[in-house]
């Protein structure tokens, strides 16, 4: 599979958080054993601490929502 820039975690972080803002990865792992990966990034803004979770989907793309089968019921 050919990866594109839009698939990357870096691209999604820069899309949701200003690219010049410093971010820190505070958590990462799998939603469940052997399941999709997730990453939590935090940034300090004038308005306070902000955190976003990113989830990797089966197609390799990262999004701010979990894959369909892993969403809360």
C-alpha atoms as a PDB file:
ATOM      1  CA  UNK A   1       0.000   0.000   0.000  1.00  0.00           C
ATOM      2  CA  UNK A   2       1.325   3.403  -0.914  1.00  0.00           C
ATOM      3  CA  UNK A   3       1.229   5.862   1.969  1.00  0.00           C
ATOM      4  CA  UNK A   4       0.252   9.439   1.303  1.00  0.00           C
ATOM      5  CA  UNK A   5       0.940  12.508   3.394  1.00  0.00           C
ATOM      6  CA  UNK A   6      -2.738  12.712   4.410  1.00  0.00           C
ATOM      7  CA  UNK A   7      -2.468   9.255   6.002  1.00  0.00           C
ATOM      8  CA  UNK A   8       0.286  10.211   8.404  1.00  0.00           C
ATOM      9  CA  UNK A   9      -0.192  10.948  12.062  1.00  0.00           C
ATOM     10  CA  UNK A  10       1.966  14.058  11.713  1.00  0.00           C
ATOM     11  CA  UNK A  11      -0.341  15.445   9.014  1.00  0.00           C
ATOM     12  CA  UNK A  12      -3.430  14.889  11.180  1.00  0.00           C
ATOM     13  CA  UNK A  13      -1.813  16.464  14.252  1.00  0.00           C
ATOM     14  CA  UNK A  14      -0.833  19.525  12.206  1.00  0.00           C
ATOM     15  CA  UNK A  15      -4.325  19.656  10.692  1.00  0.00           C
ATOM     16  CA  UNK A  16      -6.041  19.714  14.107  1.00  0.00           C
ATOM     17  CA  UNK A  17      -3.367  21.641  16.019  1.00  0.00           C
ATOM     18  CA  UNK A  18      -1.408  24.572  14.557  1.00  0.00           C
ATOM     19  CA  UNK A  19       1.766  23.211  12.928  1.00  0.00           C
ATOM     20  CA  UNK A  20       3.991  25.618  14.896  1.00  0.00           C
ATOM     21  CA  UNK A  21       2.540  24.533  18.252  1.00  0.00           C
ATOM     22  CA  UNK A  22       4.643  22.201  20.364  1.00  0.00           C
ATOM     23  CA  UNK A  23       2.865  18.920  21.141  1.00  0.00           C
ATOM     24  CA  UNK A  24       3.717  16.032  23.434  1.00  0.00           C
ATOM     25  CA  UNK A  25       2.679  12.412  23.042  1.00  0.00           C
ATOM     26  CA  UNK A  26       1.231  11.472  26.434  1.00  0.00           C
ATOM     27  CA  UNK A  27      -0.266   8.042  25.714  1.00  0.00           C
ATOM     28  CA  UNK A  28      -0.189   5.423  22.982  1.00  0.00           C
ATOM     29  CA  UNK A  29      -1.082   1.802  22.542  1.00  0.00           C
ATOM     30  CA  UNK A  30      -3.853  -0.402  21.190  1.00  0.00           C
ATOM     31  CA  UNK A  31      -7.583   0.088  21.794  1.00  0.00           C
ATOM     32  CA  UNK A  32      -7.709  -3.593  22.749  1.00  0.00           C
ATOM     33  CA  UNK A  33      -5.170  -6.386  22.526  1.00  0.00           C
ATOM     34  CA  UNK A  34      -4.130  -6.659  18.890  1.00  0.00           C
ATOM     35  CA  UNK A  35      -6.631  -3.967  17.912  1.00  0.00           C
ATOM     36  CA  UNK A  36      -6.165  -0.584  16.262  1.00  0.00           C
ATOM     37  CA  UNK A  37      -3.531   1.799  17.583  1.00  0.00           C
ATOM     38  CA  UNK A  38      -4.191   5.116  19.277  1.00  0.00           C
ATOM     39  CA  UNK A  39      -2.054   8.108  20.244  1.00  0.00           C
ATOM     40  CA  UNK A  40      -2.914  10.955  22.627  1.00  0.00           C
ATOM     41  CA  UNK A  41      -1.168  14.294  22.083  1.00  0.00           C
ATOM     42  CA  UNK A  42      -1.323  17.316  24.385  1.00  0.00           C
ATOM     43  CA  UNK A  43      -0.486  20.947  23.870  1.00  0.00           C
ATOM     44  CA  UNK A  44      -0.446  23.942  26.182  1.00  0.00           C
ATOM     45  CA  UNK A  45      -2.302  26.951  24.804  1.00  0.00           C
ATOM     46  CA  UNK A  46      -3.145  30.328  26.340  1.00  0.00           C
ATOM     47  CA  UNK A  47      -6.598  28.873  27.016  1.00  0.00           C
ATOM     48  CA  UNK A  48      -5.189  25.872  28.879  1.00  0.00           C
ATOM     49  CA  UNK A  49      -4.173  22.283  28.257  1.00  0.00           C
ATOM     50  CA  UNK A  50      -5.682  20.580  25.205  1.00  0.00           C
ATOM     51  CA  UNK A  51      -5.531  16.878  24.353  1.00  0.00           C
ATOM     52  CA  UNK A  52      -6.591  14.966  21.251  1.00  0.00           C
ATOM     53  CA  UNK A  53      -6.733  11.240  20.598  1.00  0.00           C
ATOM     54  CA  UNK A  54      -5.902   9.898  17.143  1.00  0.00           C
ATOM     55  CA  UNK A  55      -6.840   6.389  15.982  1.00  0.00           C
ATOM     56  CA  UNK A  56      -5.323   4.375  13.147  1.00  0.00           C
ATOM     57  CA  UNK A  57      -7.854   2.742  10.847  1.00  0.00           C
ATOM     58  CA  UNK A  58      -7.453  -0.493   8.869  1.00  0.00           C
ATOM     59  CA  UNK A  59      -6.537   1.467   5.732  1.00  0.00           C
ATOM     60  CA  UNK A  60      -3.591   3.074   7.551  1.00  0.00           C
ATOM     61  CA  UNK A  61      -5.188   6.501   7.883  1.00  0.00           C
ATOM     62  CA  UNK A  62      -5.195   8.293  11.251  1.00  0.00           C
ATOM     63  CA  UNK A  63      -8.390  10.043  12.409  1.00  0.00           C
ATOM     64  CA  UNK A  64      -9.785  11.690  15.542  1.00  0.00           C
ATOM     65  CA  UNK A  65     -12.533   9.063  15.748  1.00  0.00           C
ATOM     66  CA  UNK A  66     -12.011   5.331  16.364  1.00  0.00           C
ATOM     67  CA  UNK A  67     -12.653   2.704  13.675  1.00  0.00           C
ATOM     68  CA  UNK A  68     -16.347   1.774  13.332  1.00  0.00           C
ATOM     69  CA  UNK A  69     -16.053  -1.583  15.114  1.00  0.00           C
ATOM     70  CA  UNK A  70     -14.217  -0.013  18.068  1.00  0.00           C
ATOM     71  CA  UNK A  71     -16.588   2.854  18.869  1.00  0.00           C
ATOM     72  CA  UNK A  72     -18.514   2.853  22.151  1.00  0.00           C
ATOM     73  CA  UNK A  73     -22.008   1.356  21.962  1.00  0.00           C
END
